[in-house]
Protein backbone atom coordinates (compact mmCIF):
# COMPACT_ATOMS: atom_id res chain seq x y z
CA UNK A 1 91.48 118.03 75.33
CA UNK A 2 95.05 117.94 76.56
CA UNK A 3 95.70 117.27 80.22
CA UNK A 4 96.52 120.47 82.14
CA UNK A 5 100.12 121.71 82.05
CA UNK A 6 100.62 121.11 85.78
CA UNK A 7 99.18 117.56 85.68
CA UNK A 8 102.02 115.14 86.45
CA UNK A 9 102.52 112.00 84.37
CA UNK A 10 104.59 109.63 86.46
CA UNK A 11 105.33 106.06 87.46
CA UNK A 12 106.08 104.46 90.80
CA UNK A 13 108.15 101.90 92.69
CA UNK A 14 108.89 100.89 96.29
CA UNK A 15 112.22 100.47 98.07
CA UNK A 16 112.00 96.79 99.02
CA UNK A 17 110.68 95.84 95.59
CA UNK A 18 113.47 97.45 93.57
CA UNK A 19 116.54 98.39 95.60
CA UNK A 20 118.23 95.18 96.71
CA UNK A 21 121.45 95.89 98.65
CA UNK A 22 119.64 94.50 101.68
CA UNK A 23 122.69 94.49 103.94
CA UNK A 24 124.98 97.07 102.32
CA UNK A 25 126.28 100.44 103.50
CA UNK A 26 124.96 100.14 107.02
CA UNK A 27 121.34 99.29 106.21
CA UNK A 28 119.50 97.52 109.03
CA UNK A 29 117.17 94.55 108.72
CA UNK A 30 113.59 95.20 107.68
CA UNK A 31 110.62 93.03 108.60
CA UNK A 32 110.50 91.89 104.95
CA UNK A 33 114.18 90.88 104.98
CA UNK A 34 113.21 88.42 107.72
CA UNK A 35 109.67 87.44 106.72
CA UNK A 36 110.44 86.69 103.06
CA UNK A 37 113.03 84.11 104.15
CA UNK A 38 110.51 82.01 106.09
CA UNK A 39 109.93 79.00 103.78
CA UNK A 40 106.61 79.11 101.92
CA UNK A 41 105.82 82.76 102.59
CA UNK A 42 106.58 83.91 99.04
CA UNK A 43 106.32 82.34 95.58
CA UNK A 44 109.40 80.17 94.98
CA UNK A 45 110.89 81.71 98.17
CA UNK A 46 111.86 84.90 96.33
CA UNK A 47 113.06 87.86 98.38
CA UNK A 48 114.35 91.40 97.97
CA UNK A 49 118.03 90.78 98.74
CA UNK A 50 118.87 91.87 95.19
CA UNK A 51 115.41 92.65 93.74
CA UNK A 52 116.23 94.54 90.50
CA UNK A 53 119.37 96.15 91.99
CA UNK A 54 118.05 99.72 91.70
CA UNK A 55 120.44 100.65 94.52
CA UNK A 56 123.41 100.18 92.21
CA UNK A 57 121.67 100.92 88.90
CA UNK A 58 119.53 103.94 89.75
CA UNK A 59 121.39 106.19 87.28
CA UNK A 60 120.65 103.80 84.42
CA UNK A 61 117.02 103.49 85.53
CA UNK A 62 116.46 107.24 85.92
CA UNK A 63 118.02 107.81 82.48
CA UNK A 64 115.51 105.37 80.99
CA UNK A 65 112.65 107.13 82.79
CA UNK A 66 113.91 110.43 81.36
CA UNK A 67 114.02 108.92 77.88
CA UNK A 68 110.38 107.89 78.36
CA UNK A 69 109.56 111.52 79.18
CA UNK A 70 108.49 110.69 82.73
CA UNK A 71 107.62 113.91 84.54
CA UNK A 72 107.69 112.48 88.04
CA UNK A 73 109.03 109.38 89.81
CA UNK A 74 107.30 108.13 92.94
CA UNK A 75 109.66 106.05 95.09
CA UNK A 76 109.84 105.12 98.75
CA UNK A 77 112.54 105.51 101.36
CA UNK A 78 113.67 102.42 103.23
CA UNK A 79 113.32 103.31 106.90
CA UNK A 80 115.99 100.76 108.02
CA UNK A 81 118.39 102.19 105.44
CA UNK A 82 118.13 105.55 107.24
CA UNK A 83 117.66 104.25 110.80
CA UNK A 84 119.08 100.70 110.95
CA UNK A 85 117.37 100.07 114.30
CA UNK A 86 114.29 102.15 113.58
CA UNK A 87 115.47 104.87 115.93
CA UNK A 88 118.79 105.85 117.49
CA UNK A 89 121.64 106.75 115.16
CA UNK A 90 121.13 107.87 111.57
CA UNK A 91 122.96 105.94 108.86
CA UNK A 92 124.64 108.67 106.80
CA UNK A 93 125.24 106.27 103.89
CA UNK A 94 121.49 105.72 103.71
CA UNK A 95 120.83 109.45 103.50
CA UNK A 96 123.55 109.71 100.86
CA UNK A 97 121.83 107.15 98.61
CA UNK A 98 118.52 109.02 98.67
CA UNK A 99 120.24 112.37 98.21
CA UNK A 100 121.92 110.93 95.12
CA UNK A 101 118.65 109.44 93.84
CA UNK A 102 116.81 112.74 94.29
CA UNK A 103 119.61 114.68 92.61
CA UNK A 104 119.63 112.24 89.69
CA UNK A 105 115.89 112.76 89.21
CA UNK A 106 116.30 116.54 89.26
CA UNK A 107 119.22 116.35 86.82
CA UNK A 108 116.79 114.81 84.35
CA UNK A 109 113.93 117.23 85.21
CA UNK A 110 111.97 114.45 86.92
CA UNK A 111 109.95 115.53 89.96
CA UNK A 112 110.69 113.27 92.98
CA UNK A 113 107.50 112.17 94.78
CA UNK A 114 108.58 110.50 98.03
CA UNK A 115 106.73 107.85 100.03
CA UNK A 116 108.05 107.56 103.57
CA UNK A 117 106.61 104.14 104.39
CA UNK A 118 105.95 101.42 101.82
CA UNK A 119 105.81 98.44 104.19
CA UNK A 120 109.48 97.86 105.08
CA UNK A 121 109.48 98.41 108.85
CA UNK A 122 112.80 98.14 110.71
CA UNK A 123 112.88 94.61 112.17
CA UNK A 124 114.02 96.00 115.52
CA UNK A 125 110.66 97.79 115.79
CA UNK A 126 108.71 94.77 114.51
CA UNK A 127 110.19 92.72 117.33
CA UNK A 128 108.87 95.26 119.86
CA UNK A 129 105.31 94.90 118.56
CA UNK A 130 105.46 96.80 115.27
CA UNK A 131 102.47 99.01 114.56
CA UNK A 132 100.61 97.69 117.63
CA UNK A 133 103.21 99.43 119.78
CA UNK A 134 102.76 103.19 120.04
CA UNK A 135 106.53 103.60 120.35
CA UNK A 136 106.59 102.83 116.61
CA UNK A 137 104.48 105.96 116.09
CA UNK A 138 107.10 108.08 117.89
CA UNK A 139 109.89 106.45 115.89
CA UNK A 140 108.08 107.10 112.60
CA UNK A 141 107.65 110.79 113.40
CA UNK A 142 111.38 111.07 114.03
CA UNK A 143 112.14 109.22 110.78
CA UNK A 144 109.76 111.52 108.88
CA UNK A 145 111.34 114.61 110.44
CA UNK A 146 114.82 113.39 109.45
CA UNK A 147 113.64 112.93 105.85
CA UNK A 148 111.96 116.35 105.74
CA UNK A 149 115.14 117.99 107.01
CA UNK A 150 117.48 115.98 104.77
CA UNK A 151 115.54 116.12 101.49
CA UNK A 152 112.96 118.88 101.91
CA UNK A 153 115.08 121.46 100.09
CA UNK A 154 114.52 119.44 96.89
CA UNK A 155 111.42 117.31 97.53
CA UNK A 156 108.05 119.06 97.38
CA UNK A 157 105.72 116.04 97.32
CA UNK A 158 105.43 113.68 100.29
CA UNK A 159 103.31 110.62 101.04
CA UNK A 160 103.46 109.40 104.62
CA UNK A 161 102.07 105.84 104.24
CA UNK A 162 101.22 103.50 101.42
CA UNK A 163 98.10 101.32 101.76
CA UNK A 164 97.56 100.96 105.50
CA UNK A 165 94.67 98.57 104.82
CA UNK A 166 97.06 96.10 103.19
CA UNK A 167 99.96 95.99 105.63
CA UNK A 168 97.56 96.01 108.59
CA UNK A 169 95.05 93.45 107.29
CA UNK A 170 97.59 91.07 105.74
CA UNK A 171 99.77 91.49 108.82
CA UNK A 172 97.07 90.82 111.43
CA UNK A 173 94.04 89.20 109.74
CA UNK A 174 95.41 86.80 107.11
CA UNK A 175 99.05 86.53 108.21
CA UNK A 176 100.30 86.85 104.64
CA UNK A 177 102.53 89.86 105.42
CA UNK A 178 104.71 90.52 108.46
CA UNK A 179 104.26 90.00 111.34
CA UNK A 180 102.30 87.01 109.99
CA UNK A 181 99.48 87.01 112.55
CA UNK A 182 96.10 85.50 111.65
CA UNK A 183 92.70 86.46 113.04
CA UNK A 184 93.73 89.33 115.35
CA UNK A 185 90.82 91.62 114.46
CA UNK A 186 91.35 93.97 117.38
CA UNK A 187 95.05 94.19 116.49
CA UNK A 188 94.13 95.04 112.90
CA UNK A 189 91.99 98.02 113.92
CA UNK A 190 94.51 99.14 116.55
CA UNK A 191 97.33 99.20 114.00
CA UNK A 192 95.25 101.23 111.53
CA UNK A 193 94.54 103.80 114.23
CA UNK A 194 98.21 104.00 115.22
CA UNK A 195 99.18 104.54 111.57
CA UNK A 196 96.62 107.35 111.18
CA UNK A 197 98.01 109.04 114.31
CA UNK A 198 101.59 108.67 113.00
CA UNK A 199 100.44 110.24 109.72
CA UNK A 200 98.71 113.14 111.48
CA UNK A 201 101.69 113.87 113.71
CA UNK A 202 104.06 113.84 110.71
CA UNK A 203 101.77 116.21 108.79
CA UNK A 204 101.60 118.58 111.75
CA UNK A 205 105.38 118.56 112.13
CA UNK A 206 105.82 119.20 108.39
CA UNK A 207 103.52 122.25 108.59
CA UNK A 208 104.86 123.57 111.92
CA UNK A 209 108.43 123.51 110.63
CA UNK A 210 107.51 125.50 107.55
CA UNK A 211 108.51 122.98 104.89
CA UNK A 212 107.44 123.94 101.39
CA UNK A 213 105.50 121.59 99.20
CA UNK A 214 102.62 119.25 99.91
CA UNK A 215 101.95 116.21 102.05
CA UNK A 216 99.26 113.54 102.11
CA UNK A 217 98.67 109.80 102.39
CA UNK A 218 98.01 107.02 99.87
CA UNK A 219 95.19 104.56 100.38
CA UNK A 220 93.90 101.56 98.50
CA UNK A 221 90.85 102.60 96.52
CA UNK A 222 88.51 99.69 95.78
CA UNK A 223 85.00 101.09 95.95
CA UNK A 224 82.30 98.51 96.62
CA UNK A 225 79.27 98.04 94.38
CA UNK A 226 76.36 95.68 95.01
CA UNK A 227 75.91 92.87 92.47
CA UNK A 228 72.22 93.84 92.14
CA UNK A 229 69.49 95.99 93.70
CA UNK A 230 68.42 93.47 96.35
CA UNK A 231 68.14 95.21 99.73
CA UNK A 232 70.47 92.78 101.52
CA UNK A 233 73.16 93.27 98.86
CA UNK A 234 72.81 97.07 98.90
CA UNK A 235 73.36 96.79 102.66
CA UNK A 236 76.51 94.75 101.92
CA UNK A 237 77.70 97.58 99.64
CA UNK A 238 77.13 100.20 102.34
CA UNK A 239 78.89 98.05 104.95
CA UNK A 240 81.85 97.31 102.68
CA UNK A 241 82.38 100.98 101.81
CA UNK A 242 82.12 101.96 105.48
CA UNK A 243 84.76 99.46 106.64
CA UNK A 244 87.09 99.42 103.59
CA UNK A 245 86.93 103.08 102.54
CA UNK A 246 85.39 105.40 105.14
CA UNK A 247 87.39 103.94 108.06
CA UNK A 248 90.57 104.85 106.18
CA UNK A 249 89.61 108.13 104.51
CA UNK A 250 87.43 109.79 107.18
CA UNK A 251 90.09 110.17 109.91
CA UNK A 252 92.47 111.70 107.38
CA UNK A 253 90.10 114.03 105.53
CA UNK A 254 87.35 114.63 108.11
CA UNK A 255 89.41 114.19 111.26
CA UNK A 256 86.99 111.68 112.77
CA UNK A 257 86.02 108.04 112.45
CA UNK A 258 82.79 107.00 110.70
CA UNK A 259 80.04 106.61 113.30
CA UNK A 260 78.64 103.45 111.71
CA UNK A 261 81.98 101.63 112.03
CA UNK A 262 82.72 103.00 115.52
CA UNK A 263 79.36 101.74 116.76
CA UNK A 264 79.88 98.34 115.14
CA UNK A 265 83.35 97.93 116.60
CA UNK A 266 82.17 99.09 120.02
CA UNK A 267 79.44 96.47 120.08
CA UNK A 268 81.98 93.76 119.27
CA UNK A 269 84.65 94.99 121.70
CA UNK A 270 87.00 95.75 118.79
CA UNK A 271 87.35 99.53 119.04
CA UNK A 272 91.02 100.55 119.21
CA UNK A 273 92.46 102.19 122.29
CA UNK A 274 92.43 105.91 121.48
CA UNK A 275 93.44 108.82 123.68
CA UNK A 276 91.80 112.25 123.57
CA UNK A 277 95.10 113.69 122.37
CA UNK A 278 95.22 111.20 119.48
CA UNK A 279 91.66 112.02 118.45
CA UNK A 280 92.48 115.73 118.73
CA UNK A 281 95.56 115.46 116.49
CA UNK A 282 93.44 113.71 113.85
CA UNK A 283 90.85 116.51 114.09
CA UNK A 284 93.23 119.45 113.96
CA UNK A 285 95.41 118.08 111.17
CA UNK A 286 92.63 116.98 108.79
CA UNK A 287 92.56 120.40 107.04
CA UNK A 288 96.37 120.30 106.70
CA UNK A 289 96.33 117.36 104.28
CA UNK A 290 97.16 118.70 100.83
CA UNK A 291 95.97 115.67 98.87
CA UNK A 292 94.85 112.06 99.00
CA UNK A 293 96.65 109.40 96.96
CA UNK A 294 94.57 106.64 95.36
CA UNK A 295 95.94 103.22 94.47
CA UNK A 296 93.26 101.83 92.18
CA UNK A 297 93.37 98.47 90.43
CA UNK A 298 89.82 97.14 90.67
CA UNK A 299 86.48 97.62 92.44
CA UNK A 300 84.75 95.19 94.79
CA UNK A 301 81.49 93.54 93.70
CA UNK A 302 79.74 92.52 96.87
CA UNK A 303 76.74 90.61 98.18
CA UNK A 304 75.46 89.41 101.52
CA UNK A 305 77.59 86.54 102.79
CA UNK A 306 74.96 83.83 102.54
CA UNK A 307 77.22 80.94 103.51
CA UNK A 308 79.26 79.71 106.42
CA UNK A 309 82.41 81.07 104.75
CA UNK A 310 84.89 82.70 107.09
CA UNK A 311 87.98 84.71 106.23
CA UNK A 312 90.90 82.37 105.55
CA UNK A 313 94.56 83.17 106.09
CA UNK A 314 97.74 82.54 104.11
CA UNK A 315 99.29 83.70 100.87
CA UNK A 316 96.79 82.10 98.47
CA UNK A 317 93.86 83.78 100.25
CA UNK A 318 95.49 87.21 100.19
CA UNK A 319 95.75 87.84 96.46
CA UNK A 320 92.75 90.15 96.07
CA UNK A 321 90.87 87.52 94.07
CA UNK A 322 87.07 87.72 94.62
CA UNK A 323 85.30 85.06 96.65
CA UNK A 324 86.47 85.89 100.16
CA UNK A 325 84.16 87.00 102.98
CA UNK A 326 84.78 90.12 105.04
CA UNK A 327 86.50 89.74 108.42
CA UNK A 328 83.11 89.97 110.15
CA UNK A 329 81.30 87.64 107.74
CA UNK A 330 78.76 90.30 106.70
CA UNK A 331 79.54 90.32 102.98
CA UNK A 332 81.64 88.54 100.40
CA UNK A 333 83.23 89.64 97.16
CA UNK A 334 81.99 88.06 93.96
CA UNK A 335 83.34 87.36 90.48
CA UNK A 336 80.64 88.30 87.96
CA UNK A 337 80.08 86.73 84.55
CA UNK A 338 79.52 90.06 82.80
CA UNK A 339 82.78 91.68 83.98
CA UNK A 340 86.31 91.55 82.55
CA UNK A 341 89.18 90.19 84.68
CA UNK A 342 92.97 89.91 84.63
CA UNK A 343 94.72 86.53 84.79
CA UNK A 344 94.77 87.04 88.58
CA UNK A 345 91.00 87.65 88.66
CA UNK A 346 91.22 91.37 89.38
CA UNK A 347 88.34 93.11 87.64
CA UNK A 348 89.25 95.65 84.96
CA UNK A 349 86.82 98.55 85.29
CA UNK A 350 87.72 102.13 84.39
CA UNK A 351 84.00 102.89 84.77
CA UNK A 352 84.02 101.89 88.45
CA UNK A 353 87.17 104.01 88.86
CA UNK A 354 85.35 107.11 87.60
CA UNK A 355 82.21 106.33 89.60
CA UNK A 356 84.35 105.84 92.69
CA UNK A 357 86.08 109.21 92.27
CA UNK A 358 82.64 110.85 92.17
CA UNK A 359 81.76 108.98 95.39
CA UNK A 360 84.87 110.44 97.02
CA UNK A 361 84.05 113.96 95.87
CA UNK A 362 80.49 113.61 97.19
CA UNK A 363 81.80 112.62 100.62
CA UNK A 364 84.97 114.70 100.97
CA UNK A 365 84.47 117.69 98.69
CA UNK A 366 87.06 119.12 96.32
CA UNK A 367 90.07 117.34 97.76
CA UNK A 368 93.14 117.16 95.50
CA UNK A 369 93.73 113.62 94.24
CA UNK A 370 96.83 111.93 92.88
CA UNK A 371 96.45 108.51 91.30
CA UNK A 372 99.53 107.09 92.99
CA UNK A 373 99.22 103.55 91.58
CA UNK A 374 97.33 102.00 88.69
CA UNK A 375 98.55 99.29 86.36
CA UNK A 376 98.37 95.74 85.11
CA UNK A 377 100.20 92.74 86.53
CA UNK A 378 100.69 90.25 83.71
CA UNK A 379 103.01 87.69 82.20
CA UNK A 380 104.39 89.79 79.37
CA UNK A 381 104.82 87.97 76.03
CA UNK A 382 108.20 88.24 74.29
CA UNK A 383 107.93 88.10 70.49
CA UNK A 384 111.17 88.13 68.46
CA UNK A 385 113.00 89.64 71.41
CA UNK A 386 110.47 92.44 71.91
CA UNK A 387 108.24 92.71 75.00
CA UNK A 388 104.76 93.07 73.53
CA UNK A 389 102.72 94.10 76.58
CA UNK A 390 99.62 95.18 74.65
CA UNK A 391 97.24 94.26 77.53
CA UNK A 392 99.08 96.75 79.77
CA UNK A 393 98.68 99.50 77.19
CA UNK A 394 94.97 98.76 76.91
CA UNK A 395 94.55 98.69 80.69
CA UNK A 396 96.36 101.98 81.33
CA UNK A 397 94.72 103.63 78.32
CA UNK A 398 91.26 102.84 79.70
CA UNK A 399 92.10 104.11 83.17
CA UNK A 400 93.87 107.25 81.93
CA UNK A 401 90.77 107.97 79.88
CA UNK A 402 88.72 107.69 83.10
CA UNK A 403 91.12 110.15 84.76
CA UNK A 404 90.71 112.52 81.82
CA UNK A 405 86.94 112.29 82.13
CA UNK A 406 87.24 112.93 85.88
CA UNK A 407 89.21 116.14 85.21
CA UNK A 408 86.65 117.20 82.60
CA UNK A 409 83.87 116.56 85.13
CA UNK A 410 85.46 118.79 87.77
CA UNK A 411 87.26 116.25 89.93
CA UNK A 412 90.56 117.65 91.18
CA UNK A 413 93.01 115.02 89.87
CA UNK A 414 96.54 116.43 89.76
CA UNK A 415 98.63 113.49 88.53
CA UNK A 416 98.76 109.88 87.44
CA UNK A 417 101.47 107.40 88.51
CA UNK A 418 101.47 104.08 86.70
CA UNK A 419 102.51 101.03 88.67
CA UNK A 420 105.25 100.49 87.91
CA UNK A 421 108.18 102.31 86.34
CA UNK A 422 110.20 99.10 86.06
CA UNK A 423 109.53 95.40 86.60
CA UNK A 424 110.00 94.62 90.27
CA UNK A 425 109.60 92.07 93.02
CA UNK A 426 105.89 91.55 93.65
CA UNK A 427 105.86 91.00 97.44
CA UNK A 428 104.23 87.56 97.62
CA UNK A 429 104.30 86.65 93.93
CA UNK A 430 108.02 87.06 93.31
CA UNK A 431 108.65 87.73 89.63
CA UNK A 432 105.67 85.70 88.44
CA UNK A 433 103.94 88.79 87.07
CA UNK A 434 105.30 92.01 85.64
CA UNK A 435 104.02 95.57 85.99
CA UNK A 436 106.68 97.84 84.51
CA UNK A 437 107.34 99.88 81.39
CA UNK A 438 110.94 98.65 81.61
CA UNK A 439 111.62 94.91 81.43
CA UNK A 440 114.26 93.31 83.68
CA UNK A 441 115.87 90.14 82.35
CA UNK A 442 116.62 87.87 85.32
CA UNK A 443 118.41 85.44 83.02
CA UNK A 444 120.79 88.08 81.70
CA UNK A 445 122.29 89.97 84.62
CA UNK A 446 119.12 92.05 85.24
CA UNK A 447 119.55 93.77 81.88
CA UNK A 448 116.97 96.49 81.20
CA UNK A 449 114.87 96.58 78.04
CA UNK A 450 112.16 98.98 76.89
CA UNK A 451 108.72 97.41 76.44
CA UNK A 452 106.09 98.29 73.87
CA UNK A 453 104.30 100.20 76.66
CA UNK A 454 107.43 102.32 77.25
CA UNK A 455 107.11 103.82 73.77
CA UNK A 456 103.34 104.17 74.10
CA UNK A 457 103.52 106.02 77.43
CA UNK A 458 106.22 108.28 76.03
CA UNK A 459 103.80 109.34 73.29
CA UNK A 460 100.95 109.82 75.80
CA UNK A 461 103.12 112.14 77.89
CA UNK A 462 104.41 114.05 74.86
CA UNK A 463 100.86 114.72 73.62
CA UNK A 464 99.43 115.19 77.15
CA UNK A 465 96.93 112.43 76.39
CA UNK A 466 95.19 114.61 73.84
CA UNK A 467 94.10 111.67 71.68
CA UNK A 468 92.73 109.47 74.47
């Protein structure tokens, strides 16, 4: 079977990871501009000052994407490039860059898929408390409205937030992301709630103002599976899915928080401060969400935390590698002998991907799904000047096959966005691992080069994955 005609084959990036131009054309400071320059926070103290210079080379990059046959490009808008102080005056030069980027996509018949927030918060707002401060919610809604008005005549696909679980947990539990706070469990849950409210208010504004197109949110998708059938480990699976999936998906798609988690947080004095109006906006906007975006790399294999292990902070404990306990010490993730893993110990499991999508359908019904990230981080071998990233091809092939099976089995998957379109700055890992179809040579003026996977994905798109 060929993938449906309206299924979008795409690839993704994020502003801080590709743009560079950190202080050009009126852009304000982001929290990452500041945090990445604190010694020891990132691998080899890398930062996004230049990144891969997409800001100046976007025409070259979009032309390469067009050559690959890319049908859609998912990118994010740098909030401090549009509002240097997070609120206040708009930076017209910032709007101009994104207008040009969108127009360049459309010139090449590439559908722009815009993420409003991919972690780069204006530093001025971070200094006022960031996502713990509800003023940030108000500022985000204004930023979103400005983007809808400025780009909505050409952009029909919008994601409000990328991976709230990551920027909230690494920001407030492990301290590996800004604002670098460790062990603030109440702060973690409060920030997630504030983000969900900001999302809901932006969705409502989008619909009230009659913008065409669709809007949703992107979440991490790492479904939990017990390592065996032991009762205590099946309980760990239930608990992990409740806290890592249902807490994030339920308020968006059901308009309410999962009772099991609410009760648990209440008992521990960790329930976020929520107003009736905030709970009401979640409820009334849930049916307005047009899709859910899934960023899937690997599942979680879990068991009861049978040791005195507690969640540790810092960069090395925030890599996604199995072995860490949950924040509450109830379960821990496990590396299993019979599973396949990347060099960074992320499990490779298209089967868990498909099983997880069925779990979502069982809980949320026939919601439209975009796979907004999926890909392999690796050290790509260069053989006779060619980038032979065969493991990436094998990884994406397996996961695209799972997506194809999902479509055949009646799951409403509308598009697939590989991570990433081009090699980019990996937040904490610098340039240690690559993800892209397009290689960037940091020893040769950031020259671009097509990888083996570039040609492979081009063929997949051309044949609509018929032979997978």
